[in-house]
Each structure stands twice: as C-alpha cells, then as structure tokens.
C-alpha cells in the first residue's frame, strides 16, 4: 500500500507541476556520473534537510540528457518537497530528484528515484509503474493502452493516456535507478529522454 501511494503521489504531482509550468527551476548540474560500482552518496538539498528519510539528490538527474531537441532539462525542487512530505514516499525511496523540460506546447516531467536498499524487485517496479500511470493518466482521461519497447538499448514501458499523454518507465540497472516521466507534444520529449539515458 505504501508503495502504491508513493508512486501515485509522484505521478499525480508531476502532472500537476506540468500544468502549472516551471517555477524558477534550477539548471541540472553538470556533475560527473558516478561509476556503477560506487554510486554517489545522496546530496541533500540546499537546505540540508532530510525529509521523511528521502534525500533530494540532484546528481541523479545526470542519468538524463542535459537537453532534448534544443530544450534544457531542469530540476524541479518544489515537486520533490511535496513528494517528500508523504511518509510513504520516504519509506520506499531513498533519494530522488524531479525534472522538467518544456518548450512551447512540448513538455516532459517526471522523477528519477533510487529505491531503499533491498526494496527493488520485478513486483516492486510493476506496482510502481501501474500506480504512477494511475496518477498521470487519472488526470488525463484514463489509460488507453500499454506497450513494452526498447529505446537506447534498454527496456522501456510506455503507457498512453486517453488524452494523448504518454508515460515512460525505465530501470537503469547500472545505477539502481527508476526513471518515470510523462510527455506531451509532437516532439516527444519523453521518448527522447528515455532513449538518451546514461548507463
């Protein structure tokens, strides 16, 4: 139940942020990617606060491309603050960062999350995807279909909402990270983001 609530919260929150547009987002830092054998320690937010056990680690956004189709990927701090206020999110997720890329009517928004050690499994990821989709598509007309494909050499799960919104999920095994985001617009920023995930 706590996982379902956490993922649902993240999905609905990302969609809410997209509807409001970015609020002075900070640029994604150009921090070197950590080696797969030694993942970086979580970096607290500028306040240094750790809320409900989950840390805002902006270095996690290094797994995403810095730009897609000329549009910059930016960090969205307020989304993390709201998500971390939910105790269920902190119990399932050790560190997370939210990202946003928008240019005109094209937009992608979502979360890069590192589950608590020992939490991740096929069942965990399946439950996460299902409930994230509910959060995103629930505010976009409901789910119209799901598919599994390969982008950038890794398995990507794609959900289409009735309103045309697309939701993407990928697991970056080398870093132990879940990437979940949704996208709208003809330029398919979401597809470009997951296709460009760094190992």
N, C-alpha and C. Protein backbone atom coordinates (compact mmCIF):
# COMPACT_ATOMS: atom_id res chain seq x y z
N UNK A 1 0.82 -1.20 0.00
CA UNK A 1 0.00 0.00 0.00
C UNK A 1 0.86 1.26 0.00
N UNK A 2 1.95 1.26 0.80
CA UNK A 2 2.76 2.47 0.85
C UNK A 2 3.45 2.74 -0.48
N UNK A 3 3.88 1.67 -1.19
CA UNK A 3 4.49 1.85 -2.50
C UNK A 3 3.47 2.42 -3.47
N UNK A 4 2.26 1.89 -3.46
CA UNK A 4 1.23 2.36 -4.37
C UNK A 4 0.94 3.84 -4.13
N UNK A 5 0.85 4.23 -2.88
CA UNK A 5 0.59 5.64 -2.58
C UNK A 5 1.74 6.52 -3.01
N UNK A 6 2.97 6.05 -2.79
CA UNK A 6 4.15 6.85 -3.16
C UNK A 6 4.21 7.08 -4.66
N UNK A 7 4.02 6.02 -5.46
CA UNK A 7 4.08 6.15 -6.90
C UNK A 7 2.92 6.98 -7.43
N UNK A 8 1.74 6.76 -6.87
CA UNK A 8 0.58 7.54 -7.29
C UNK A 8 0.81 9.01 -7.02
N UNK A 9 1.39 9.31 -5.86
CA UNK A 9 1.69 10.70 -5.49
C UNK A 9 2.67 11.31 -6.49
N UNK A 10 3.71 10.57 -6.83
CA UNK A 10 4.72 11.08 -7.75
C UNK A 10 4.13 11.35 -9.13
N UNK A 11 3.31 10.42 -9.61
CA UNK A 11 2.72 10.59 -10.93
C UNK A 11 1.76 11.76 -10.99
N UNK A 12 0.89 11.87 -10.00
CA UNK A 12 -0.06 12.97 -9.98
C UNK A 12 0.65 14.30 -9.79
N UNK A 13 1.69 14.30 -8.96
CA UNK A 13 2.43 15.52 -8.70
C UNK A 13 3.14 16.02 -9.95
N UNK A 14 3.74 15.11 -10.69
CA UNK A 14 4.43 15.52 -11.91
C UNK A 14 3.46 16.16 -12.89
N UNK A 15 2.26 15.59 -13.00
CA UNK A 15 1.28 16.15 -13.92
C UNK A 15 0.82 17.52 -13.44
N UNK A 16 0.65 17.67 -12.15
CA UNK A 16 0.26 18.96 -11.60
C UNK A 16 1.30 20.02 -11.88
N UNK A 17 2.57 19.66 -11.70
CA UNK A 17 3.66 20.60 -11.97
C UNK A 17 3.65 21.03 -13.43
N UNK A 18 3.42 20.06 -14.32
CA UNK A 18 3.40 20.38 -15.75
C UNK A 18 2.28 21.35 -16.08
N UNK A 19 1.15 21.19 -15.42
CA UNK A 19 0.04 22.08 -15.68
C UNK A 19 0.32 23.49 -15.21
N UNK A 20 1.12 23.61 -14.15
CA UNK A 20 1.44 24.92 -13.60
C UNK A 20 2.61 25.56 -14.32
N UNK A 21 3.45 24.74 -14.98
CA UNK A 21 4.65 25.28 -15.64
C UNK A 21 5.77 25.41 -14.65
N UNK A 22 6.99 25.59 -15.12
CA UNK A 22 8.14 25.67 -14.24
C UNK A 22 8.14 26.94 -13.40
N UNK A 23 8.59 26.79 -12.17
CA UNK A 23 8.69 27.95 -11.29
C UNK A 23 10.15 28.12 -10.93
N UNK A 24 10.84 29.01 -11.66
CA UNK A 24 12.26 29.28 -11.44
C UNK A 24 13.07 28.03 -11.22
N UNK A 25 13.03 27.05 -12.15
CA UNK A 25 13.79 25.82 -11.94
C UNK A 25 15.28 26.07 -12.03
N UNK A 26 16.03 25.29 -11.28
CA UNK A 26 17.49 25.40 -11.33
C UNK A 26 18.01 24.51 -12.44
N UNK A 27 19.09 24.89 -13.08
CA UNK A 27 19.67 24.08 -14.14
C UNK A 27 20.20 22.78 -13.58
N UNK A 28 20.12 21.73 -14.37
CA UNK A 28 20.66 20.45 -13.95
C UNK A 28 22.17 20.57 -13.84
N UNK A 29 22.76 20.21 -12.70
CA UNK A 29 24.20 20.35 -12.54
C UNK A 29 24.96 19.40 -13.45
N UNK A 30 26.11 19.85 -13.92
CA UNK A 30 26.94 19.02 -14.79
C UNK A 30 27.93 18.23 -13.96
N UNK A 31 27.43 17.45 -13.01
CA UNK A 31 28.27 16.65 -12.13
C UNK A 31 28.67 15.37 -12.86
N UNK A 32 29.93 14.96 -12.81
CA UNK A 32 30.34 13.73 -13.47
C UNK A 32 29.53 12.55 -12.96
N UNK A 33 29.18 11.64 -13.85
CA UNK A 33 28.41 10.46 -13.46
C UNK A 33 29.27 9.55 -12.59
N UNK A 34 28.70 9.01 -11.50
CA UNK A 34 29.46 8.10 -10.65
C UNK A 34 29.62 6.75 -11.34
N UNK A 35 30.72 6.03 -11.06
CA UNK A 35 30.87 4.69 -11.64
C UNK A 35 29.81 3.76 -11.09
N UNK A 36 29.44 2.77 -11.88
CA UNK A 36 28.36 1.86 -11.48
C UNK A 36 28.71 1.12 -10.19
N UNK A 37 30.00 0.85 -9.96
CA UNK A 37 30.40 0.09 -8.79
C UNK A 37 30.42 0.93 -7.52
N UNK A 38 30.35 2.23 -7.66
CA UNK A 38 30.39 3.10 -6.47
C UNK A 38 29.44 4.25 -6.65
N UNK A 39 28.12 4.01 -6.43
CA UNK A 39 27.15 5.08 -6.61
C UNK A 39 27.40 6.23 -5.66
N UNK A 40 27.09 7.43 -6.13
CA UNK A 40 27.33 8.62 -5.33
C UNK A 40 26.45 8.63 -4.09
N UNK A 41 26.96 9.20 -3.02
CA UNK A 41 26.15 9.36 -1.83
C UNK A 41 25.11 10.43 -2.07
N UNK A 42 23.91 10.27 -1.48
CA UNK A 42 22.88 11.28 -1.68
C UNK A 42 23.36 12.65 -1.25
N UNK A 43 23.03 13.64 -2.05
CA UNK A 43 23.39 15.02 -1.74
C UNK A 43 22.14 15.76 -1.28
N UNK A 44 22.07 16.22 -0.04
CA UNK A 44 20.87 16.90 0.43
C UNK A 44 20.61 18.16 -0.38
N UNK A 45 19.36 18.63 -0.31
CA UNK A 45 19.00 19.87 -0.96
C UNK A 45 19.74 21.02 -0.29
N UNK A 46 19.63 22.21 -0.85
CA UNK A 46 20.40 23.35 -0.36
C UNK A 46 20.13 23.64 1.11
N UNK A 47 18.94 23.26 1.59
CA UNK A 47 18.63 23.50 2.99
C UNK A 47 19.35 22.51 3.90
N UNK A 48 19.83 21.39 3.31
CA UNK A 48 20.48 20.37 4.10
C UNK A 48 19.50 19.50 4.85
N UNK A 49 18.21 19.71 4.61
CA UNK A 49 17.19 18.97 5.36
C UNK A 49 16.94 17.61 4.74
N UNK A 50 16.71 16.63 5.56
CA UNK A 50 16.31 15.30 5.11
C UNK A 50 14.89 15.10 5.60
N UNK A 51 13.96 14.95 4.65
CA UNK A 51 12.55 14.90 4.99
C UNK A 51 12.05 13.46 4.82
N UNK A 52 11.38 12.93 5.85
CA UNK A 52 10.80 11.58 5.85
C UNK A 52 11.75 10.53 5.27
N UNK A 53 13.06 10.69 5.49
CA UNK A 53 14.02 9.69 5.09
C UNK A 53 14.48 9.77 3.65
N UNK A 54 13.82 10.52 2.79
CA UNK A 54 14.23 10.62 1.39
C UNK A 54 15.04 11.89 1.17
N UNK A 55 16.12 11.78 0.40
CA UNK A 55 17.02 12.91 0.15
C UNK A 55 16.83 13.39 -1.27
N UNK A 56 16.83 14.70 -1.47
CA UNK A 56 16.84 15.25 -2.82
C UNK A 56 18.29 15.22 -3.31
N UNK A 57 18.55 14.38 -4.31
CA UNK A 57 19.89 14.21 -4.84
C UNK A 57 19.88 14.64 -6.30
N UNK A 58 20.25 15.88 -6.56
CA UNK A 58 20.19 16.41 -7.93
C UNK A 58 21.17 15.71 -8.86
N UNK A 59 22.18 15.05 -8.31
CA UNK A 59 23.12 14.30 -9.14
C UNK A 59 22.43 13.14 -9.86
N UNK A 60 21.29 12.69 -9.35
CA UNK A 60 20.55 11.62 -10.02
C UNK A 60 20.11 12.05 -11.41
N UNK A 61 19.92 13.34 -11.61
CA UNK A 61 19.46 13.83 -12.91
C UNK A 61 20.54 13.72 -13.98
N UNK A 62 21.75 13.38 -13.58
CA UNK A 62 22.82 13.16 -14.56
C UNK A 62 22.51 11.98 -15.48
N UNK A 63 21.61 11.11 -15.06
CA UNK A 63 21.24 9.97 -15.90
C UNK A 63 20.44 10.43 -17.13
N UNK A 64 19.84 11.63 -17.04
CA UNK A 64 19.06 12.19 -18.14
C UNK A 64 19.95 13.01 -19.07
N UNK A 65 19.59 13.12 -20.35
CA UNK A 65 20.31 14.05 -21.22
C UNK A 65 20.15 15.48 -20.68
N UNK A 66 21.14 16.32 -20.89
CA UNK A 66 21.07 17.71 -20.44
C UNK A 66 20.09 18.53 -21.25
N UNK A 67 19.90 18.14 -22.52
CA UNK A 67 18.95 18.81 -23.40
C UNK A 67 18.27 17.77 -24.28
N UNK A 68 17.07 18.09 -24.75
CA UNK A 68 16.39 17.29 -25.75
C UNK A 68 15.86 18.23 -26.82
N UNK A 69 16.26 18.00 -28.06
CA UNK A 69 15.81 18.81 -29.19
C UNK A 69 16.00 20.30 -28.93
N UNK A 70 17.14 20.63 -28.28
CA UNK A 70 17.47 22.03 -28.02
C UNK A 70 16.85 22.62 -26.78
N UNK A 71 16.01 21.88 -26.07
CA UNK A 71 15.37 22.38 -24.84
C UNK A 71 16.09 21.82 -23.62
N UNK A 72 16.36 22.67 -22.64
CA UNK A 72 17.12 22.27 -21.45
C UNK A 72 16.26 21.49 -20.46
N UNK A 73 16.88 20.47 -19.87
CA UNK A 73 16.26 19.72 -18.79
C UNK A 73 16.62 20.42 -17.49
N UNK A 74 15.62 20.73 -16.68
CA UNK A 74 15.86 21.46 -15.44
C UNK A 74 15.33 20.68 -14.23
N UNK A 75 15.89 20.97 -13.08
CA UNK A 75 15.43 20.37 -11.84
C UNK A 75 14.20 21.10 -11.34
N UNK A 76 13.31 20.37 -10.68
CA UNK A 76 12.07 20.97 -10.17
C UNK A 76 11.99 20.68 -8.67
N UNK A 77 12.54 21.59 -7.87
CA UNK A 77 12.67 21.37 -6.43
C UNK A 77 11.33 21.27 -5.71
N UNK A 78 10.37 22.10 -6.09
CA UNK A 78 9.10 22.12 -5.35
C UNK A 78 8.38 20.78 -5.45
N UNK A 79 8.56 20.07 -6.56
CA UNK A 79 7.94 18.75 -6.70
C UNK A 79 8.53 17.77 -5.69
N UNK A 80 9.86 17.85 -5.51
CA UNK A 80 10.48 16.97 -4.52
C UNK A 80 9.96 17.29 -3.12
N UNK A 81 9.88 18.56 -2.80
CA UNK A 81 9.42 18.96 -1.47
C UNK A 81 8.03 18.40 -1.19
N UNK A 82 7.15 18.49 -2.16
CA UNK A 82 5.79 17.99 -1.97
C UNK A 82 5.77 16.47 -1.86
N UNK A 83 6.55 15.78 -2.71
CA UNK A 83 6.57 14.32 -2.67
C UNK A 83 7.15 13.82 -1.36
N UNK A 84 8.22 14.46 -0.88
CA UNK A 84 8.89 14.02 0.34
C UNK A 84 8.03 14.22 1.57
N UNK A 85 7.02 15.09 1.47
CA UNK A 85 6.13 15.31 2.61
C UNK A 85 5.23 14.10 2.85
N UNK A 86 5.14 13.21 1.86
CA UNK A 86 4.35 11.98 2.01
C UNK A 86 5.25 10.90 2.63
N UNK A 87 4.95 10.46 3.85
CA UNK A 87 5.80 9.45 4.50
C UNK A 87 5.98 8.19 3.67
N UNK A 88 4.98 7.79 2.89
CA UNK A 88 5.08 6.59 2.08
C UNK A 88 6.19 6.71 1.03
N UNK A 89 6.37 7.90 0.49
CA UNK A 89 7.41 8.13 -0.50
C UNK A 89 8.78 7.91 0.14
N UNK A 90 8.96 8.45 1.33
CA UNK A 90 10.23 8.31 2.04
C UNK A 90 10.52 6.90 2.50
N UNK A 91 9.50 6.11 2.73
CA UNK A 91 9.71 4.74 3.18
C UNK A 91 10.15 3.83 2.04
N UNK A 92 9.74 4.17 0.82
CA UNK A 92 10.08 3.33 -0.34
C UNK A 92 11.29 3.82 -1.11
N UNK A 93 11.52 5.14 -1.07
CA UNK A 93 12.54 5.77 -1.91
C UNK A 93 13.61 6.41 -1.03
N UNK A 94 14.87 6.09 -1.31
CA UNK A 94 16.00 6.62 -0.54
C UNK A 94 16.39 8.02 -1.00
N UNK A 95 16.41 8.22 -2.32
CA UNK A 95 16.79 9.52 -2.88
C UNK A 95 16.04 9.73 -4.19
N UNK A 96 15.77 10.99 -4.51
CA UNK A 96 15.01 11.29 -5.72
C UNK A 96 15.28 12.70 -6.17
N UNK A 97 14.97 12.95 -7.44
CA UNK A 97 15.02 14.31 -7.98
C UNK A 97 13.99 14.38 -9.10
N UNK A 98 13.32 15.50 -9.20
CA UNK A 98 12.31 15.71 -10.24
C UNK A 98 12.89 16.58 -11.35
N UNK A 99 12.49 16.30 -12.57
CA UNK A 99 13.00 17.04 -13.73
C UNK A 99 11.85 17.53 -14.60
N UNK A 100 12.14 18.58 -15.35
CA UNK A 100 11.14 19.19 -16.22
C UNK A 100 11.85 19.73 -17.45
N UNK A 101 11.25 19.50 -18.64
CA UNK A 101 11.73 20.13 -19.86
C UNK A 101 10.50 20.60 -20.62
N UNK A 102 10.50 21.87 -20.99
CA UNK A 102 9.32 22.44 -21.65
C UNK A 102 9.76 23.46 -22.69
N UNK A 103 9.09 23.42 -23.83
CA UNK A 103 9.34 24.39 -24.89
C UNK A 103 8.05 24.53 -25.68
N UNK A 104 7.36 25.64 -25.50
CA UNK A 104 6.07 25.83 -26.14
C UNK A 104 5.07 24.81 -25.65
N UNK A 105 4.45 24.07 -26.58
CA UNK A 105 3.45 23.06 -26.21
C UNK A 105 4.05 21.68 -25.96
N UNK A 106 5.37 21.59 -26.05
CA UNK A 106 6.04 20.30 -25.82
C UNK A 106 6.61 20.26 -24.41
N UNK A 107 6.37 19.14 -23.72
CA UNK A 107 6.75 19.07 -22.31
C UNK A 107 7.00 17.64 -21.89
N UNK A 108 7.94 17.47 -20.97
CA UNK A 108 8.12 16.19 -20.28
C UNK A 108 8.44 16.51 -18.82
N UNK A 109 7.94 15.69 -17.92
CA UNK A 109 8.15 15.92 -16.50
C UNK A 109 8.14 14.57 -15.79
N UNK A 110 8.97 14.43 -14.77
CA UNK A 110 8.97 13.17 -14.06
C UNK A 110 10.00 13.10 -12.96
N UNK A 111 10.31 11.88 -12.54
CA UNK A 111 11.16 11.66 -11.38
C UNK A 111 12.23 10.61 -11.68
N UNK A 112 13.41 10.84 -11.13
CA UNK A 112 14.47 9.82 -11.08
C UNK A 112 14.57 9.43 -9.61
N UNK A 113 14.38 8.15 -9.33
CA UNK A 113 14.30 7.72 -7.93
C UNK A 113 15.18 6.50 -7.68
N UNK A 114 15.83 6.51 -6.51
CA UNK A 114 16.60 5.34 -6.08
C UNK A 114 15.86 4.69 -4.92
N UNK A 115 15.33 3.47 -5.11
CA UNK A 115 14.60 2.80 -4.02
C UNK A 115 15.51 2.51 -2.83
N UNK A 116 14.91 2.37 -1.68
CA UNK A 116 15.61 1.96 -0.48
C UNK A 116 16.27 0.60 -0.75
N UNK A 117 17.46 0.39 -0.22
CA UNK A 117 18.20 -0.85 -0.45
C UNK A 117 17.34 -2.07 -0.12
N UNK A 118 17.30 -3.01 -1.06
CA UNK A 118 16.55 -4.24 -0.85
C UNK A 118 15.09 -4.16 -1.26
N UNK A 119 14.62 -2.97 -1.63
CA UNK A 119 13.20 -2.80 -1.98
C UNK A 119 12.90 -3.22 -3.42
N UNK A 120 13.84 -2.96 -4.34
CA UNK A 120 13.52 -3.17 -5.75
C UNK A 120 13.39 -4.64 -6.10
N UNK A 121 12.37 -4.93 -6.90
CA UNK A 121 12.15 -6.26 -7.46
C UNK A 121 11.26 -6.07 -8.67
N UNK A 122 11.04 -7.13 -9.44
CA UNK A 122 10.14 -7.03 -10.58
C UNK A 122 8.74 -6.61 -10.12
N UNK A 123 8.30 -7.18 -9.00
CA UNK A 123 6.97 -6.85 -8.48
C UNK A 123 6.90 -5.39 -8.04
N UNK A 124 7.96 -4.92 -7.39
CA UNK A 124 8.04 -3.53 -6.95
C UNK A 124 7.90 -2.59 -8.16
N UNK A 125 8.69 -2.87 -9.21
CA UNK A 125 8.69 -2.00 -10.38
C UNK A 125 7.34 -2.05 -11.11
N UNK A 126 6.76 -3.24 -11.19
CA UNK A 126 5.45 -3.38 -11.83
C UNK A 126 4.39 -2.58 -11.07
N UNK A 127 4.42 -2.67 -9.75
CA UNK A 127 3.46 -1.93 -8.93
C UNK A 127 3.68 -0.43 -9.05
N UNK A 128 4.96 -0.03 -9.05
CA UNK A 128 5.31 1.39 -9.22
C UNK A 128 4.75 1.93 -10.54
N UNK A 129 5.00 1.19 -11.63
CA UNK A 129 4.53 1.64 -12.95
C UNK A 129 3.02 1.77 -12.99
N UNK A 130 2.32 0.77 -12.47
CA UNK A 130 0.86 0.78 -12.50
C UNK A 130 0.29 1.98 -11.78
N UNK A 131 0.83 2.26 -10.61
CA UNK A 131 0.27 3.34 -9.82
C UNK A 131 0.72 4.72 -10.30
N UNK A 132 1.93 4.81 -10.84
CA UNK A 132 2.37 6.07 -11.44
C UNK A 132 1.47 6.40 -12.63
N UNK A 133 1.17 5.38 -13.44
CA UNK A 133 0.27 5.57 -14.58
C UNK A 133 -1.10 6.04 -14.12
N UNK A 134 -1.58 5.48 -13.02
CA UNK A 134 -2.88 5.90 -12.49
C UNK A 134 -2.86 7.37 -12.12
N UNK A 135 -1.74 7.81 -11.52
CA UNK A 135 -1.63 9.21 -11.12
C UNK A 135 -1.59 10.14 -12.30
N UNK A 136 -0.84 9.77 -13.35
CA UNK A 136 -0.72 10.63 -14.53
C UNK A 136 -1.96 10.56 -15.41
N UNK A 137 -2.36 9.34 -15.78
CA UNK A 137 -3.49 9.20 -16.70
C UNK A 137 -4.83 9.49 -16.02
N UNK A 138 -4.88 9.37 -14.70
CA UNK A 138 -6.12 9.67 -13.99
C UNK A 138 -6.54 11.11 -14.18
N UNK A 139 -5.58 11.98 -14.45
CA UNK A 139 -5.89 13.39 -14.68
C UNK A 139 -5.82 13.73 -16.16
N UNK A 140 -5.71 12.70 -17.00
CA UNK A 140 -5.59 12.93 -18.45
C UNK A 140 -6.49 11.98 -19.23
N UNK A 141 -7.66 11.66 -18.66
CA UNK A 141 -8.65 10.88 -19.37
C UNK A 141 -8.62 9.39 -19.15
N UNK A 142 -7.67 8.88 -18.35
CA UNK A 142 -7.57 7.45 -18.12
C UNK A 142 -6.59 6.78 -19.08
N UNK A 143 -6.32 5.50 -18.85
CA UNK A 143 -5.35 4.75 -19.64
C UNK A 143 -6.03 4.16 -20.88
N UNK A 144 -5.39 4.32 -22.04
CA UNK A 144 -5.94 3.74 -23.27
C UNK A 144 -5.11 2.55 -23.76
N UNK A 145 -3.86 2.41 -23.31
CA UNK A 145 -3.06 1.28 -23.74
C UNK A 145 -1.68 1.27 -23.12
N UNK A 146 -1.05 0.10 -23.13
CA UNK A 146 0.31 -0.05 -22.62
C UNK A 146 1.13 -0.83 -23.63
N UNK A 147 2.44 -0.61 -23.61
CA UNK A 147 3.34 -1.31 -24.53
C UNK A 147 4.71 -1.43 -23.88
N UNK A 148 5.50 -2.35 -24.41
CA UNK A 148 6.88 -2.52 -23.97
C UNK A 148 7.76 -2.43 -25.22
N UNK A 149 8.80 -1.61 -25.16
CA UNK A 149 9.66 -1.42 -26.33
C UNK A 149 11.11 -1.32 -25.87
N UNK A 150 12.00 -1.08 -26.80
CA UNK A 150 13.40 -0.87 -26.47
C UNK A 150 13.83 0.48 -27.03
N UNK A 151 14.39 1.30 -26.15
CA UNK A 151 14.90 2.62 -26.53
C UNK A 151 16.27 2.79 -25.90
N UNK A 152 17.23 3.22 -26.68
CA UNK A 152 18.57 3.42 -26.14
C UNK A 152 19.19 2.17 -25.58
N UNK A 153 18.78 1.00 -26.08
CA UNK A 153 19.37 -0.25 -25.63
C UNK A 153 18.81 -0.80 -24.34
N UNK A 154 17.72 -0.24 -23.84
CA UNK A 154 17.12 -0.77 -22.61
C UNK A 154 15.60 -0.88 -22.77
N UNK A 155 15.00 -1.72 -21.94
CA UNK A 155 13.56 -1.92 -21.97
C UNK A 155 12.85 -0.69 -21.41
N UNK A 156 11.86 -0.22 -22.14
CA UNK A 156 11.07 0.93 -21.71
C UNK A 156 9.60 0.55 -21.77
N UNK A 157 8.86 0.88 -20.72
CA UNK A 157 7.43 0.61 -20.65
C UNK A 157 6.70 1.92 -20.96
N UNK A 158 5.78 1.86 -21.91
CA UNK A 158 5.08 3.06 -22.37
C UNK A 158 3.59 2.89 -22.15
N UNK A 159 2.99 3.87 -21.50
CA UNK A 159 1.54 3.89 -21.29
C UNK A 159 0.98 5.11 -22.00
N UNK A 160 -0.10 4.91 -22.75
CA UNK A 160 -0.75 6.01 -23.44
C UNK A 160 -2.06 6.33 -22.72
N UNK A 161 -2.24 7.60 -22.40
CA UNK A 161 -3.47 8.05 -21.77
C UNK A 161 -4.48 8.45 -22.85
N UNK A 162 -5.75 8.43 -22.52
CA UNK A 162 -6.80 8.73 -23.48
C UNK A 162 -6.66 10.13 -24.06
N UNK A 163 -6.12 11.05 -23.29
CA UNK A 163 -5.96 12.42 -23.77
C UNK A 163 -4.73 12.62 -24.63
N UNK A 164 -3.97 11.53 -24.92
CA UNK A 164 -2.77 11.64 -25.76
C UNK A 164 -1.47 11.73 -24.99
N UNK A 165 -1.56 11.90 -23.67
CA UNK A 165 -0.36 11.94 -22.82
C UNK A 165 0.31 10.57 -22.86
N UNK A 166 1.65 10.54 -22.89
CA UNK A 166 2.39 9.29 -22.83
C UNK A 166 3.23 9.24 -21.57
N UNK A 167 3.28 8.07 -20.96
CA UNK A 167 4.06 7.86 -19.74
C UNK A 167 5.15 6.83 -20.04
N UNK A 168 6.37 7.11 -19.59
CA UNK A 168 7.51 6.25 -19.86
C UNK A 168 8.15 5.81 -18.54
N UNK A 169 8.56 4.54 -18.50
CA UNK A 169 9.26 4.00 -17.33
C UNK A 169 10.46 3.20 -17.79
N UNK A 170 11.58 3.38 -17.12
CA UNK A 170 12.77 2.58 -17.39
C UNK A 170 13.52 2.35 -16.08
N UNK A 171 14.19 1.22 -16.01
CA UNK A 171 15.05 0.93 -14.85
C UNK A 171 16.49 0.95 -15.33
N UNK A 172 17.29 1.82 -14.74
CA UNK A 172 18.70 1.92 -15.09
C UNK A 172 19.45 1.02 -14.12
N UNK A 173 19.63 -0.23 -14.50
CA UNK A 173 20.17 -1.24 -13.60
C UNK A 173 21.57 -0.89 -13.12
N UNK A 174 22.38 -0.29 -14.01
CA UNK A 174 23.75 0.04 -13.65
C UNK A 174 23.82 0.98 -12.44
N UNK A 175 22.81 1.79 -12.27
CA UNK A 175 22.80 2.76 -11.16
C UNK A 175 21.72 2.47 -10.12
N UNK A 176 20.90 1.48 -10.39
CA UNK A 176 19.82 1.16 -9.46
C UNK A 176 18.76 2.24 -9.39
N UNK A 177 18.43 2.84 -10.54
CA UNK A 177 17.51 3.98 -10.57
C UNK A 177 16.26 3.68 -11.39
N UNK A 178 15.14 4.15 -10.91
CA UNK A 178 13.88 4.14 -11.66
C UNK A 178 13.70 5.52 -12.28
N UNK A 179 13.38 5.55 -13.56
CA UNK A 179 13.05 6.81 -14.23
C UNK A 179 11.61 6.69 -14.71
N UNK A 180 10.75 7.57 -14.22
CA UNK A 180 9.35 7.60 -14.63
C UNK A 180 8.98 9.02 -15.00
N UNK A 181 8.42 9.18 -16.19
CA UNK A 181 8.06 10.52 -16.63
C UNK A 181 6.93 10.45 -17.64
N UNK A 182 6.29 11.58 -17.84
CA UNK A 182 5.25 11.64 -18.86
C UNK A 182 5.61 12.75 -19.84
N UNK A 183 4.97 12.70 -20.99
CA UNK A 183 5.32 13.62 -22.06
C UNK A 183 4.09 13.99 -22.87
N UNK A 184 4.07 15.22 -23.35
CA UNK A 184 3.03 15.65 -24.26
C UNK A 184 3.66 16.53 -25.34
N UNK A 185 3.06 16.53 -26.51
CA UNK A 185 3.59 17.34 -27.60
C UNK A 185 4.17 16.51 -28.72
N UNK A 186 4.19 17.08 -29.91
CA UNK A 186 4.63 16.37 -31.10
C UNK A 186 6.12 16.02 -31.09
N UNK A 187 6.92 16.73 -30.32
CA UNK A 187 8.36 16.48 -30.33
C UNK A 187 8.77 15.32 -29.41
N UNK A 188 7.83 14.79 -28.66
CA UNK A 188 8.05 13.60 -27.84
C UNK A 188 9.30 13.69 -26.97
N UNK A 189 9.34 14.72 -26.14
CA UNK A 189 10.48 14.89 -25.25
C UNK A 189 10.70 13.68 -24.35
N UNK A 190 9.61 13.06 -23.88
CA UNK A 190 9.75 11.92 -23.01
C UNK A 190 10.47 10.77 -23.67
N UNK A 191 10.13 10.50 -24.91
CA UNK A 191 10.78 9.43 -25.66
C UNK A 191 12.27 9.73 -25.83
N UNK A 192 12.59 10.99 -26.12
CA UNK A 192 13.99 11.37 -26.28
C UNK A 192 14.77 11.24 -24.97
N UNK A 193 14.12 11.55 -23.86
CA UNK A 193 14.78 11.45 -22.55
C UNK A 193 15.14 10.01 -22.23
N UNK A 194 14.18 9.09 -22.38
CA UNK A 194 14.47 7.70 -22.02
C UNK A 194 15.43 7.05 -23.03
N UNK A 195 15.37 7.49 -24.28
CA UNK A 195 16.30 6.95 -25.28
C UNK A 195 17.73 7.40 -25.01
N UNK A 196 17.88 8.54 -24.31
CA UNK A 196 19.20 9.08 -24.04
C UNK A 196 19.71 8.84 -22.63
N UNK A 197 19.09 7.94 -21.88
CA UNK A 197 19.52 7.67 -20.51
C UNK A 197 20.96 7.17 -20.48
N UNK A 198 21.75 7.73 -19.56
CA UNK A 198 23.15 7.33 -19.44
C UNK A 198 23.27 6.04 -18.65
N UNK A 199 24.23 5.18 -19.01
CA UNK A 199 24.42 3.92 -18.25
C UNK A 199 25.05 4.20 -16.90
